Amino acid sequence: MLAVVPALRGGARFYTRDPAQADDLVQETVLRALAAADTFLPGSNMRAWCFTILRNFFLEQMRKGKKERELLAQYSKDTEQSAPGSAAWEGEDVQELENLLWQLSPVLREALVLIGAQEMTYAEAAQVCGVEVGTMKARVSRARSMLRTIMEHRAQDPAPSDRRS
């Protein structure tokens, strides 16, 4: 399970956009996975199983509204800047990619992050999201198409908010 923790943190970072909240999400995921270790089927995919726990806990928190106001404030605050405190997010290209990703719907963004950033197979990502493999493939395809469209639109008509001061 320890080998999965760095990938979980990356996934949690995309869900929360906040390093401290991501760490809390990963910690709770590991605790829940350890508590439910007897339900893990030997020979099945540990990474996908842990990501399912991570995703379900995140969605549970969102539904309960415990951190909803805080997350919404952080999303709006981070729209034009990278997340604070992480040297990996300092580059303009990475910041632009992050801004583009947050223009996608949560479902499409999640699919693209699981397949692209987390390098899961379509089957693993589908298992995490509780959908069929074909649905996951369609979501990734739509996400890539939408990103292409957004990037083409930006290239043709860059908005003043896209320019650095």
C-alpha atoms as a PDB file:
ATOM      1  CA  MET A   1       0.000   0.000   0.000  1.00  0.00           C
ATOM      2  CA  LEU A   2       2.900   2.372   0.679  1.00  0.00           C
ATOM      3  CA  ALA A   3       3.838   2.300  -2.997  1.00  0.00           C
ATOM      4  CA  VAL A   4       0.407   3.732  -3.867  1.00  0.00           C
ATOM      5  CA  VAL A   5       0.613   6.736  -1.486  1.00  0.00           C
ATOM      6  CA  PRO A   6       2.477   9.111  -3.874  1.00  0.00           C
ATOM      7  CA  ALA A   7      -0.087   8.462  -6.605  1.00  0.00           C
ATOM      8  CA  LEU A   8      -2.908   8.968  -4.102  1.00  0.00           C
ATOM      9  CA  ARG A   9      -1.419  12.308  -3.105  1.00  0.00           C
ATOM     10  CA  GLY A  10      -1.295  13.390  -6.726  1.00  0.00           C
ATOM     11  CA  GLY A  11      -4.907  12.390  -7.223  1.00  0.00           C
ATOM     12  CA  ALA A  12      -5.953  14.098  -4.007  1.00  0.00           C
ATOM     13  CA  ARG A  13      -4.156  17.258  -5.106  1.00  0.00           C
ATOM     14  CA  PHE A  14      -6.261  17.388  -8.264  1.00  0.00           C
ATOM     15  CA  TYR A  15      -9.433  16.887  -6.271  1.00  0.00           C
ATOM     16  CA  THR A  16      -8.701  19.478  -3.597  1.00  0.00           C
ATOM     17  CA  ARG A  17      -6.186  21.869  -5.198  1.00  0.00           C
ATOM     18  CA  ASP A  18      -4.702  22.345  -1.726  1.00  0.00           C
ATOM     19  CA  PRO A  19      -1.639  20.473  -0.420  1.00  0.00           C
ATOM     20  CA  ALA A  20      -2.839  20.344   3.196  1.00  0.00           C
ATOM     21  CA  GLN A  21      -6.303  19.114   2.244  1.00  0.00           C
ATOM     22  CA  ALA A  22      -4.746  16.609  -0.144  1.00  0.00           C
ATOM     23  CA  ASP A  23      -2.611  15.235   2.692  1.00  0.00           C
ATOM     24  CA  ASP A  24      -5.698  14.959   4.913  1.00  0.00           C
ATOM     25  CA  LEU A  25      -7.573  13.159   2.134  1.00  0.00           C
ATOM     26  CA  VAL A  26      -4.703  10.705   1.599  1.00  0.00           C
ATOM     27  CA  GLN A  27      -4.349  10.103   5.333  1.00  0.00           C
ATOM     28  CA  GLU A  28      -8.046   9.301   5.683  1.00  0.00           C
ATOM     29  CA  THR A  29      -7.877   7.098   2.577  1.00  0.00           C
ATOM     30  CA  VAL A  30      -4.992   5.065   4.034  1.00  0.00           C
ATOM     31  CA  LEU A  31      -6.804   4.733   7.364  1.00  0.00           C
ATOM     32  CA  ARG A  32      -9.970   3.558   5.637  1.00  0.00           C
ATOM     33  CA  ALA A  33      -8.016   1.151   3.435  1.00  0.00           C
ATOM     34  CA  LEU A  34      -6.279  -0.348   6.452  1.00  0.00           C
ATOM     35  CA  ALA A  35      -9.585  -0.654   8.304  1.00  0.00           C
ATOM     36  CA  ALA A  36     -11.132  -2.398   5.289  1.00  0.00           C
ATOM     37  CA  ALA A  37      -8.075  -4.495   4.390  1.00  0.00           C
ATOM     38  CA  ASP A  38     -10.077  -7.682   4.866  1.00  0.00           C
ATOM     39  CA  THR A  39     -12.338  -6.619   1.962  1.00  0.00           C
ATOM     40  CA  PHE A  40      -9.416  -6.302  -0.469  1.00  0.00           C
ATOM     41  CA  LEU A  41      -9.396  -9.236  -2.857  1.00  0.00           C
ATOM     42  CA  PRO A  42      -5.893 -10.690  -3.284  1.00  0.00           C
ATOM     43  CA  GLY A  43      -4.848 -10.466  -6.894  1.00  0.00           C
ATOM     44  CA  SER A  44      -6.998  -7.423  -7.597  1.00  0.00           C
ATOM     45  CA  ASN A  45      -5.613  -3.950  -8.257  1.00  0.00           C
ATOM     46  CA  MET A  46      -4.510  -2.251  -5.008  1.00  0.00           C
ATOM     47  CA  ARG A  47      -4.047   1.116  -6.721  1.00  0.00           C
ATOM     48  CA  ALA A  48      -7.546   1.170  -8.168  1.00  0.00           C
ATOM     49  CA  TRP A  49      -8.995  -0.026  -4.849  1.00  0.00           C
ATOM     50  CA  CYS A  50      -7.251   2.785  -2.945  1.00  0.00           C
ATOM     51  CA  PHE A  51      -8.265   5.382  -5.540  1.00  0.00           C
ATOM     52  CA  THR A  52     -11.863   4.250  -5.192  1.00  0.00           C
ATOM     53  CA  ILE A  53     -11.655   4.825  -1.444  1.00  0.00           C
ATOM     54  CA  LEU A  54     -10.027   8.233  -2.024  1.00  0.00           C
ATOM     55  CA  ARG A  55     -12.667   9.306  -4.516  1.00  0.00           C
ATOM     56  CA  ASN A  56     -15.567   8.051  -2.421  1.00  0.00           C
ATOM     57  CA  PHE A  57     -14.294   9.828   0.673  1.00  0.00           C
ATOM     58  CA  PHE A  58     -13.777  13.066  -1.256  1.00  0.00           C
ATOM     59  CA  LEU A  59     -17.293  12.882  -2.692  1.00  0.00           C
ATOM     60  CA  GLU A  60     -18.678  12.051   0.745  1.00  0.00           C
ATOM     61  CA  GLN A  61     -17.033  15.159   2.162  1.00  0.00           C
ATOM     62  CA  MET A  62     -18.409  17.268  -0.649  1.00  0.00           C
ATOM     63  CA  ARG A  63     -21.920  15.917  -0.133  1.00  0.00           C
ATOM     64  CA  LYS A  64     -21.813  16.524   3.567  1.00  0.00           C
ATOM     65  CA  GLY A  65     -20.632  20.069   2.927  1.00  0.00           C
ATOM     66  CA  LYS A  66     -17.954  19.974   5.636  1.00  0.00           C
ATOM     67  CA  LYS A  67     -15.374  21.657   3.448  1.00  0.00           C
ATOM     68  CA  GLU A  68     -17.540  22.946   0.635  1.00  0.00           C
ATOM     69  CA  ARG A  69     -17.235  26.657   1.406  1.00  0.00           C
ATOM     70  CA  GLU A  70     -13.495  26.388   1.909  1.00  0.00           C
ATOM     71  CA  LEU A  71     -12.991  24.478  -1.363  1.00  0.00           C
ATOM     72  CA  LEU A  72     -15.161  26.858  -3.367  1.00  0.00           C
ATOM     73  CA  ALA A  73     -13.224  29.825  -1.998  1.00  0.00           C
ATOM     74  CA  GLN A  74      -9.962  28.125  -2.898  1.00  0.00           C
ATOM     75  CA  TYR A  75     -11.175  27.273  -6.433  1.00  0.00           C
ATOM     76  CA  SER A  76     -12.139  30.863  -7.179  1.00  0.00           C
ATOM     77  CA  LYS A  77      -8.960  32.210  -5.579  1.00  0.00           C
ATOM     78  CA  ASP A  78      -6.741  29.852  -7.613  1.00  0.00           C
ATOM     79  CA  THR A  79      -8.396  30.434 -10.990  1.00  0.00           C
ATOM     80  CA  GLU A  80      -5.554  32.571 -12.298  1.00  0.00           C
ATOM     81  CA  GLN A  81      -2.686  31.398 -10.131  1.00  0.00           C
ATOM     82  CA  SER A  82      -1.027  28.109  -9.363  1.00  0.00           C
ATOM     83  CA  ALA A  83      -1.525  26.447  -6.010  1.00  0.00           C
ATOM     84  CA  PRO A  84       0.740  27.953  -3.341  1.00  0.00           C
ATOM     85  CA  GLY A  85       3.602  26.131  -1.692  1.00  0.00           C
ATOM     86  CA  SER A  86       4.600  23.746  -4.430  1.00  0.00           C
ATOM     87  CA  ALA A  87       7.671  24.338  -6.564  1.00  0.00           C
ATOM     88  CA  ALA A  88       6.397  21.756  -9.072  1.00  0.00           C
ATOM     89  CA  TRP A  89       3.512  24.103  -9.968  1.00  0.00           C
ATOM     90  CA  GLU A  90       5.693  27.174 -10.591  1.00  0.00           C
ATOM     91  CA  GLY A  91       6.252  26.778 -14.356  1.00  0.00           C
ATOM     92  CA  GLU A  92       4.040  28.748 -16.728  1.00  0.00           C
ATOM     93  CA  ASP A  93       3.281  25.675 -18.851  1.00  0.00           C
ATOM     94  CA  VAL A  94       2.162  23.666 -15.840  1.00  0.00           C
ATOM     95  CA  GLN A  95       0.137  26.607 -14.562  1.00  0.00           C
ATOM     96  CA  GLU A  96      -1.533  26.998 -17.960  1.00  0.00           C
ATOM     97  CA  LEU A  97      -2.338  23.282 -18.068  1.00  0.00           C
ATOM     98  CA  GLU A  98      -3.818  23.474 -14.575  1.00  0.00           C
ATOM     99  CA  ASN A  99      -5.976  26.447 -15.590  1.00  0.00           C
ATOM    100  CA  LEU A 100      -7.122  24.577 -18.694  1.00  0.00           C
ATOM    101  CA  LEU A 101      -7.994  21.469 -16.675  1.00  0.00           C
ATOM    102  CA  TRP A 102     -10.148  23.503 -14.300  1.00  0.00           C
ATOM    103  CA  GLN A 103     -12.194  24.738 -17.239  1.00  0.00           C
ATOM    104  CA  LEU A 104     -13.399  21.172 -17.814  1.00  0.00           C
ATOM    105  CA  SER A 105     -16.363  19.710 -15.977  1.00  0.00           C
ATOM    106  CA  PRO A 106     -15.397  17.736 -12.850  1.00  0.00           C
ATOM    107  CA  VAL A 107     -16.298  14.421 -14.510  1.00  0.00           C
ATOM    108  CA  LEU A 108     -14.134  15.071 -17.584  1.00  0.00           C
ATOM    109  CA  ARG A 109     -11.283  16.533 -15.526  1.00  0.00           C
ATOM    110  CA  GLU A 110     -11.288  13.483 -13.245  1.00  0.00           C
ATOM    111  CA  ALA A 111     -11.197  11.089 -16.202  1.00  0.00           C
ATOM    112  CA  LEU A 112      -8.310  12.927 -17.842  1.00  0.00           C
ATOM    113  CA  VAL A 113      -6.312  13.121 -14.609  1.00  0.00           C
ATOM    114  CA  LEU A 114      -6.763   9.428 -13.809  1.00  0.00           C
ATOM    115  CA  ILE A 115      -5.718   8.358 -17.318  1.00  0.00           C
ATOM    116  CA  GLY A 116      -3.136  11.049 -18.067  1.00  0.00           C
ATOM    117  CA  ALA A 117      -1.549  12.189 -14.817  1.00  0.00           C
ATOM    118  CA  GLN A 118      -2.066   9.024 -12.773  1.00  0.00           C
ATOM    119  CA  GLU A 119      -1.316   6.744 -15.752  1.00  0.00           C
ATOM    120  CA  MET A 120      -4.139   4.356 -14.916  1.00  0.00           C
ATOM    121  CA  THR A 121      -5.549   2.020 -17.502  1.00  0.00           C
ATOM    122  CA  TYR A 122      -9.074   2.706 -18.705  1.00  0.00           C
ATOM    123  CA  ALA A 123     -10.232  -0.324 -16.721  1.00  0.00           C
ATOM    124  CA  GLU A 124      -8.622   0.961 -13.509  1.00  0.00           C
ATOM    125  CA  ALA A 125     -10.039   4.461 -13.969  1.00  0.00           C
ATOM    126  CA  ALA A 126     -13.477   3.047 -14.768  1.00  0.00           C
ATOM    127  CA  GLN A 127     -13.336   0.960 -11.599  1.00  0.00           C
ATOM    128  CA  VAL A 128     -12.382   4.032  -9.535  1.00  0.00           C
ATOM    129  CA  CYS A 129     -15.295   6.044 -10.955  1.00  0.00           C
ATOM    130  CA  GLY A 130     -17.765   3.178 -10.911  1.00  0.00           C
ATOM    131  CA  VAL A 131     -18.492   3.334 -14.642  1.00  0.00           C
ATOM    132  CA  GLU A 132     -17.991   1.096 -17.664  1.00  0.00           C
ATOM    133  CA  VAL A 133     -14.691   1.162 -19.563  1.00  0.00           C
ATOM    134  CA  GLY A 134     -16.442   2.579 -22.636  1.00  0.00           C
ATOM    135  CA  THR A 135     -17.814   5.446 -20.566  1.00  0.00           C
ATOM    136  CA  MET A 136     -14.329   6.238 -19.294  1.00  0.00           C
ATOM    137  CA  LYS A 137     -12.930   6.190 -22.835  1.00  0.00           C
ATOM    138  CA  ALA A 138     -15.686   8.555 -23.961  1.00  0.00           C
ATOM    139  CA  ARG A 139     -15.019  10.922 -21.060  1.00  0.00           C
ATOM    140  CA  VAL A 140     -11.296  11.061 -21.810  1.00  0.00           C
ATOM    141  CA  SER A 141     -11.992  11.622 -25.496  1.00  0.00           C
ATOM    142  CA  ARG A 142     -14.435  14.459 -24.721  1.00  0.00           C
ATOM    143  CA  ALA A 143     -11.978  15.995 -22.248  1.00  0.00           C
ATOM    144  CA  ARG A 144      -9.143  15.975 -24.789  1.00  0.00           C
ATOM    145  CA  SER A 145     -11.426  17.433 -27.450  1.00  0.00           C
ATOM    146  CA  MET A 146     -12.600  20.186 -25.122  1.00  0.00           C
ATOM    147  CA  LEU A 147      -9.022  21.024 -24.143  1.00  0.00           C
ATOM    148  CA  ARG A 148      -8.098  21.271 -27.814  1.00  0.00           C
ATOM    149  CA  THR A 149     -11.047  23.592 -28.449  1.00  0.00           C
ATOM    150  CA  ILE A 150     -10.192  25.792 -25.453  1.00  0.00           C
ATOM    151  CA  MET A 151      -6.557  26.019 -26.530  1.00  0.00           C
ATOM    152  CA  GLU A 152      -7.503  26.897 -30.120  1.00  0.00           C
ATOM    153  CA  HIS A 153      -9.874  29.576 -28.855  1.00  0.00           C
ATOM    154  CA  ARG A 154      -7.152  31.051 -26.626  1.00  0.00           C
ATOM    155  CA  ALA A 155      -4.670  31.082 -29.508  1.00  0.00           C
ATOM    156  CA  GLN A 156      -7.127  32.989 -31.725  1.00  0.00           C
ATOM    157  CA  ASP A 157      -8.420  35.423 -29.113  1.00  0.00           C
ATOM    158  CA  PRO A 158      -6.322  35.653 -25.928  1.00  0.00           C
ATOM    159  CA  ALA A 159      -8.316  37.329 -23.183  1.00  0.00           C
ATOM    160  CA  PRO A 160      -6.750  40.159 -21.164  1.00  0.00           C
ATOM    161  CA  SER A 161      -6.901  37.963 -18.024  1.00  0.00           C
ATOM    162  CA  ASP A 162      -4.555  35.492 -19.767  1.00  0.00           C
ATOM    163  CA  ARG A 163      -1.815  38.099 -20.072  1.00  0.00           C
ATOM    164  CA  ARG A 164       0.730  38.484 -17.273  1.00  0.00           C
ATOM    165  CA  SER A 165       1.250  41.940 -15.726  1.00  0.00           C
END
